[in-house]
Amino acid sequence: MKVLKKAKPTWPLEIYNVFETVNIQQVAFVPDAGHTTLIKACQANPKMQTISLTTEEEGVAMLAGAWLGGMRGALLMQSSGVGNCINMLGTIRECRFPLLCLVTMRGTWGEFNPWQLPMGQSTARVLEDVGVVVEAVNEPSNVAETVFACAQMAFQTNRAVAVLIGQRVVGFKDWSK
């Protein structure tokens, strides 16, 4: 079966617009193909500080510090990076800092890499077990409103909230060519 190429997705720029609306000023990320368009848009905005991380848990601590300094931030990562954050997410829970995480999913629909399956299949459960509120989105048309609603929840209730952006949104990966 031949997989048809889709038009360039608009959801990353819709997320960027949400970031501007909710006053996100810092964006921490581990480079990820699923977030590339969003990262580039944030980097182009002189009012947003973008920080490329070595590992995802650095972003949890960095954004806690940003909040203490009066700034809102967002952490961008892939589902395989969620496991790296578990201890740090406990800090967020106990200290009641807000944290907005956008997680591009791997290890689910159409995955070709067996190494992505374990974390991808357990991401939501692992996050929920450490007290993170999880909202999954699997339709591109629902991404922006989900990110907006989750940003409101995170920053108004001082909770960690993660938006899991499904592989159906990110797109099918075919590296067999």
C-alpha atoms as a PDB file:
ATOM      1  CA  MET A   1       0.000   0.000   0.000  1.00  0.00           C
ATOM      2  CA  LYS A   2       1.308   3.406  -0.930  1.00  0.00           C
ATOM      3  CA  VAL A   3       0.969   6.101   1.724  1.00  0.00           C
ATOM      4  CA  LEU A   4      -0.130   9.425   0.281  1.00  0.00           C
ATOM      5  CA  LYS A   5       1.765  12.535   1.248  1.00  0.00           C
ATOM      6  CA  LYS A   6      -0.356  15.034   3.132  1.00  0.00           C
ATOM      7  CA  ALA A   7      -0.272  18.787   2.818  1.00  0.00           C
ATOM      8  CA  LYS A   8       1.987  20.546   5.297  1.00  0.00           C
ATOM      9  CA  PRO A   9       0.209  20.426   8.667  1.00  0.00           C
ATOM     10  CA  THR A  10      -1.096  23.659  10.169  1.00  0.00           C
ATOM     11  CA  TRP A  11      -1.376  22.471  13.788  1.00  0.00           C
ATOM     12  CA  PRO A  12       2.181  23.469  14.798  1.00  0.00           C
ATOM     13  CA  LEU A  13       1.540  27.112  13.877  1.00  0.00           C
ATOM     14  CA  GLU A  14      -1.852  26.934  15.571  1.00  0.00           C
ATOM     15  CA  ILE A  15      -0.017  25.868  18.756  1.00  0.00           C
ATOM     16  CA  TYR A  16       2.367  28.791  18.282  1.00  0.00           C
ATOM     17  CA  ASN A  17      -0.650  31.144  18.122  1.00  0.00           C
ATOM     18  CA  VAL A  18      -1.937  29.620  21.366  1.00  0.00           C
ATOM     19  CA  PHE A  19       1.488  30.191  22.936  1.00  0.00           C
ATOM     20  CA  GLU A  20       1.257  33.872  22.014  1.00  0.00           C
ATOM     21  CA  THR A  21      -2.326  34.094  23.320  1.00  0.00           C
ATOM     22  CA  VAL A  22      -1.484  32.556  26.715  1.00  0.00           C
ATOM     23  CA  ASN A  23       1.815  34.491  26.993  1.00  0.00           C
ATOM     24  CA  ILE A  24       4.323  31.649  26.807  1.00  0.00           C
ATOM     25  CA  GLN A  25       7.727  33.299  27.154  1.00  0.00           C
ATOM     26  CA  GLN A  26      10.065  30.311  27.475  1.00  0.00           C
ATOM     27  CA  VAL A  27      10.038  27.156  25.384  1.00  0.00           C
ATOM     28  CA  ALA A  28      12.277  24.280  26.414  1.00  0.00           C
ATOM     29  CA  PHE A  29      12.754  21.374  24.033  1.00  0.00           C
ATOM     30  CA  VAL A  30      14.798  18.380  23.093  1.00  0.00           C
ATOM     31  CA  PRO A  31      15.037  18.563  19.293  1.00  0.00           C
ATOM     32  CA  ASP A  32      12.251  16.489  17.740  1.00  0.00           C
ATOM     33  CA  ALA A  33      11.044  16.230  14.148  1.00  0.00           C
ATOM     34  CA  GLY A  34       7.411  16.388  15.301  1.00  0.00           C
ATOM     35  CA  HIS A  35       7.954  19.788  16.922  1.00  0.00           C
ATOM     36  CA  THR A  36      10.291  21.294  14.275  1.00  0.00           C
ATOM     37  CA  THR A  37       7.835  23.810  12.811  1.00  0.00           C
ATOM     38  CA  LEU A  38       6.692  24.940  16.272  1.00  0.00           C
ATOM     39  CA  ILE A  39      10.281  25.258  17.524  1.00  0.00           C
ATOM     40  CA  LYS A  40      11.292  27.360  14.496  1.00  0.00           C
ATOM     41  CA  ALA A  41       8.290  29.659  14.963  1.00  0.00           C
ATOM     42  CA  CYS A  42       9.152  30.169  18.638  1.00  0.00           C
ATOM     43  CA  GLN A  43      12.811  30.809  17.802  1.00  0.00           C
ATOM     44  CA  ALA A  44      11.766  33.506  15.327  1.00  0.00           C
ATOM     45  CA  ASN A  45       9.886  35.417  18.043  1.00  0.00           C
ATOM     46  CA  PRO A  46      12.221  37.749  19.954  1.00  0.00           C
ATOM     47  CA  LYS A  47       9.771  37.769  22.888  1.00  0.00           C
ATOM     48  CA  MET A  48      10.179  34.003  23.396  1.00  0.00           C
ATOM     49  CA  GLN A  49      13.271  32.401  24.825  1.00  0.00           C
ATOM     50  CA  THR A  50      13.912  28.971  23.338  1.00  0.00           C
ATOM     51  CA  ILE A  51      16.265  26.572  25.054  1.00  0.00           C
ATOM     52  CA  SER A  52      17.525  23.364  23.492  1.00  0.00           C
ATOM     53  CA  LEU A  53      17.976  20.806  26.247  1.00  0.00           C
ATOM     54  CA  THR A  54      20.310  17.863  26.650  1.00  0.00           C
ATOM     55  CA  THR A  55      17.591  15.843  28.361  1.00  0.00           C
ATOM     56  CA  GLU A  56      13.933  16.490  29.102  1.00  0.00           C
ATOM     57  CA  GLU A  57      14.117  16.698  32.897  1.00  0.00           C
ATOM     58  CA  GLU A  58      16.264  19.822  32.572  1.00  0.00           C
ATOM     59  CA  GLY A  59      13.205  21.509  31.093  1.00  0.00           C
ATOM     60  CA  VAL A  60      11.043  20.655  34.093  1.00  0.00           C
ATOM     61  CA  ALA A  61      13.477  22.413  36.448  1.00  0.00           C
ATOM     62  CA  MET A  62      14.042  25.292  34.055  1.00  0.00           C
ATOM     63  CA  LEU A  63      10.332  26.009  33.702  1.00  0.00           C
ATOM     64  CA  ALA A  64       9.800  25.816  37.466  1.00  0.00           C
ATOM     65  CA  GLY A  65      12.437  28.529  37.744  1.00  0.00           C
ATOM     66  CA  ALA A  66      10.796  30.518  34.961  1.00  0.00           C
ATOM     67  CA  TRP A  67       7.497  30.397  36.847  1.00  0.00           C
ATOM     68  CA  LEU A  68       9.174  31.609  40.039  1.00  0.00           C
ATOM     69  CA  GLY A  69      10.618  34.453  37.977  1.00  0.00           C
ATOM     70  CA  GLY A  70       7.186  35.421  36.660  1.00  0.00           C
ATOM     71  CA  MET A  71       7.354  33.767  33.239  1.00  0.00           C
ATOM     72  CA  ARG A  72       5.166  31.134  31.620  1.00  0.00           C
ATOM     73  CA  GLY A  73       6.800  28.352  29.682  1.00  0.00           C
ATOM     74  CA  ALA A  74       6.165  25.142  27.802  1.00  0.00           C
ATOM     75  CA  LEU A  75       8.163  21.922  27.507  1.00  0.00           C
ATOM     76  CA  LEU A  76       8.245  20.157  24.138  1.00  0.00           C
ATOM     77  CA  MET A  77       9.319  16.533  23.965  1.00  0.00           C
ATOM     78  CA  GLN A  78       8.735  13.168  22.378  1.00  0.00           C
ATOM     79  CA  SER A  79       7.033  10.354  24.275  1.00  0.00           C
ATOM     80  CA  SER A  80      10.349   8.532  24.652  1.00  0.00           C
ATOM     81  CA  GLY A  81      11.563  11.464  26.767  1.00  0.00           C
ATOM     82  CA  VAL A  82       8.724  11.244  29.287  1.00  0.00           C
ATOM     83  CA  GLY A  83      10.525   8.486  31.183  1.00  0.00           C
ATOM     84  CA  ASN A  84      13.459  10.849  31.739  1.00  0.00           C
ATOM     85  CA  CYS A  85      11.227  13.295  33.645  1.00  0.00           C
ATOM     86  CA  ILE A  86       9.529  11.143  36.261  1.00  0.00           C
ATOM     87  CA  ASN A  87      11.575  12.211  39.305  1.00  0.00           C
ATOM     88  CA  MET A  88      11.446  15.882  38.313  1.00  0.00           C
ATOM     89  CA  LEU A  89       7.686  15.701  37.777  1.00  0.00           C
ATOM     90  CA  GLY A  90       7.392  14.672  41.418  1.00  0.00           C
ATOM     91  CA  THR A  91       8.908  18.049  42.312  1.00  0.00           C
ATOM     92  CA  ILE A  92       6.292  19.844  40.224  1.00  0.00           C
ATOM     93  CA  ARG A  93       3.529  17.910  41.962  1.00  0.00           C
ATOM     94  CA  GLU A  94       4.786  18.558  45.491  1.00  0.00           C
ATOM     95  CA  CYS A  95       5.605  22.228  44.929  1.00  0.00           C
ATOM     96  CA  ARG A  96       2.460  22.917  42.839  1.00  0.00           C
ATOM     97  CA  PHE A  97       4.247  24.641  39.968  1.00  0.00           C
ATOM     98  CA  PRO A  98       2.349  24.818  36.692  1.00  0.00           C
ATOM     99  CA  LEU A  99       3.904  22.883  33.830  1.00  0.00           C
ATOM    100  CA  LEU A 100       2.611  22.679  30.277  1.00  0.00           C
ATOM    101  CA  CYS A 101       4.092  19.768  28.306  1.00  0.00           C
ATOM    102  CA  LEU A 102       3.468  19.019  24.647  1.00  0.00           C
ATOM    103  CA  VAL A 103       4.432  15.452  23.843  1.00  0.00           C
ATOM    104  CA  THR A 104       4.639  14.131  20.297  1.00  0.00           C
ATOM    105  CA  MET A 105       3.821  10.458  20.467  1.00  0.00           C
ATOM    106  CA  ARG A 106       5.854   7.564  19.153  1.00  0.00           C
ATOM    107  CA  GLY A 107       5.303   3.867  19.692  1.00  0.00           C
ATOM    108  CA  THR A 108       1.662   3.932  18.668  1.00  0.00           C
ATOM    109  CA  TRP A 109      -0.171   4.024  15.327  1.00  0.00           C
ATOM    110  CA  GLY A 110       2.102   3.062  12.419  1.00  0.00           C
ATOM    111  CA  GLU A 111       5.313   2.876  14.483  1.00  0.00           C
ATOM    112  CA  PHE A 112       8.220   1.170  12.720  1.00  0.00           C
ATOM    113  CA  ASN A 113      10.828   1.371  15.489  1.00  0.00           C
ATOM    114  CA  PRO A 114      10.419  -1.348  18.160  1.00  0.00           C
ATOM    115  CA  TRP A 115      12.458   0.723  20.649  1.00  0.00           C
ATOM    116  CA  GLN A 116       9.693   3.332  20.692  1.00  0.00           C
ATOM    117  CA  LEU A 117       6.917   0.892  21.656  1.00  0.00           C
ATOM    118  CA  PRO A 118       7.443   0.469  25.432  1.00  0.00           C
ATOM    119  CA  MET A 119       7.362   4.151  26.373  1.00  0.00           C
ATOM    120  CA  GLY A 120       4.872   5.084  23.665  1.00  0.00           C
ATOM    121  CA  GLN A 121       2.429   2.494  24.916  1.00  0.00           C
ATOM    122  CA  SER A 122       2.741   3.608  28.542  1.00  0.00           C
ATOM    123  CA  THR A 123       3.242   7.394  28.300  1.00  0.00           C
ATOM    124  CA  ALA A 124      -0.246   8.420  29.439  1.00  0.00           C
ATOM    125  CA  ARG A 125      -0.290   5.905  32.282  1.00  0.00           C
ATOM    126  CA  VAL A 126       3.177   6.885  33.534  1.00  0.00           C
ATOM    127  CA  LEU A 127       2.328  10.592  33.498  1.00  0.00           C
ATOM    128  CA  GLU A 128      -0.985  10.021  35.267  1.00  0.00           C
ATOM    129  CA  ASP A 129       0.736   7.879  37.902  1.00  0.00           C
ATOM    130  CA  VAL A 130       2.950  10.843  38.906  1.00  0.00           C
ATOM    131  CA  GLY A 131       0.012  13.234  39.027  1.00  0.00           C
ATOM    132  CA  VAL A 132       0.151  14.858  35.602  1.00  0.00           C
ATOM    133  CA  VAL A 133      -3.203  15.680  33.991  1.00  0.00           C
ATOM    134  CA  VAL A 134      -3.166  14.112  30.514  1.00  0.00           C
ATOM    135  CA  GLU A 135      -5.158  15.088  27.431  1.00  0.00           C
ATOM    136  CA  ALA A 136      -4.627  13.134  24.223  1.00  0.00           C
ATOM    137  CA  VAL A 137      -5.371  14.655  20.837  1.00  0.00           C
ATOM    138  CA  ASN A 138      -5.574  12.533  17.698  1.00  0.00           C
ATOM    139  CA  GLU A 139      -7.200  14.933  15.230  1.00  0.00           C
ATOM    140  CA  PRO A 140      -5.254  17.889  13.838  1.00  0.00           C
ATOM    141  CA  SER A 141      -8.344  20.083  14.030  1.00  0.00           C
ATOM    142  CA  ASN A 142      -8.462  19.627  17.826  1.00  0.00           C
ATOM    143  CA  VAL A 143      -4.821  20.401  18.631  1.00  0.00           C
ATOM    144  CA  ALA A 144      -5.018  24.172  19.170  1.00  0.00           C
ATOM    145  CA  GLU A 145      -8.121  24.111  21.360  1.00  0.00           C
ATOM    146  CA  THR A 146      -6.689  21.261  23.426  1.00  0.00           C
ATOM    147  CA  VAL A 147      -3.395  23.106  23.968  1.00  0.00           C
ATOM    148  CA  PHE A 148      -5.295  26.272  24.910  1.00  0.00           C
ATOM    149  CA  ALA A 149      -7.526  24.426  27.394  1.00  0.00           C
ATOM    150  CA  CYS A 150      -4.542  22.620  28.912  1.00  0.00           C
ATOM    151  CA  ALA A 151      -2.561  25.868  29.214  1.00  0.00           C
ATOM    152  CA  GLN A 152      -5.475  27.400  31.100  1.00  0.00           C
ATOM    153  CA  MET A 153      -5.643  24.371  33.389  1.00  0.00           C
ATOM    154  CA  ALA A 154      -1.882  24.318  34.046  1.00  0.00           C
ATOM    155  CA  PHE A 155      -1.463  28.015  34.757  1.00  0.00           C
ATOM    156  CA  GLN A 156      -4.735  28.567  36.632  1.00  0.00           C
ATOM    157  CA  THR A 157      -4.518  25.485  38.885  1.00  0.00           C
ATOM    158  CA  ASN A 158      -0.720  25.191  39.290  1.00  0.00           C
ATOM    159  CA  ARG A 159      -0.703  21.653  37.956  1.00  0.00           C
ATOM    160  CA  ALA A 160       1.383  19.714  35.477  1.00  0.00           C
ATOM    161  CA  VAL A 161      -0.653  19.122  32.327  1.00  0.00           C
ATOM    162  CA  ALA A 162       0.488  17.187  29.259  1.00  0.00           C
ATOM    163  CA  VAL A 163      -0.988  17.240  25.775  1.00  0.00           C
ATOM    164  CA  LEU A 164      -0.190  13.996  23.979  1.00  0.00           C
ATOM    165  CA  ILE A 165      -0.119  14.732  20.246  1.00  0.00           C
ATOM    166  CA  GLY A 166      -0.873  11.402  18.580  1.00  0.00           C
ATOM    167  CA  GLN A 167       1.013   9.868  15.701  1.00  0.00           C
ATOM    168  CA  ARG A 168      -2.047  10.321  13.494  1.00  0.00           C
ATOM    169  CA  VAL A 169      -1.536  14.078  13.952  1.00  0.00           C
ATOM    170  CA  VAL A 170       2.256  14.080  13.678  1.00  0.00           C
ATOM    171  CA  GLY A 171       2.123  11.845  10.626  1.00  0.00           C
ATOM    172  CA  PHE A 172       3.139   8.429   9.451  1.00  0.00           C
ATOM    173  CA  LYS A 173       6.864   7.828   9.417  1.00  0.00           C
ATOM    174  CA  ASP A 174       8.256   5.709   6.623  1.00  0.00           C
ATOM    175  CA  TRP A 175      12.037   5.523   6.734  1.00  0.00           C
ATOM    176  CA  SER A 176      12.246   2.430   4.555  1.00  0.00           C
ATOM    177  CA  LYS A 177      13.213   4.478   1.485  1.00  0.00           C
END
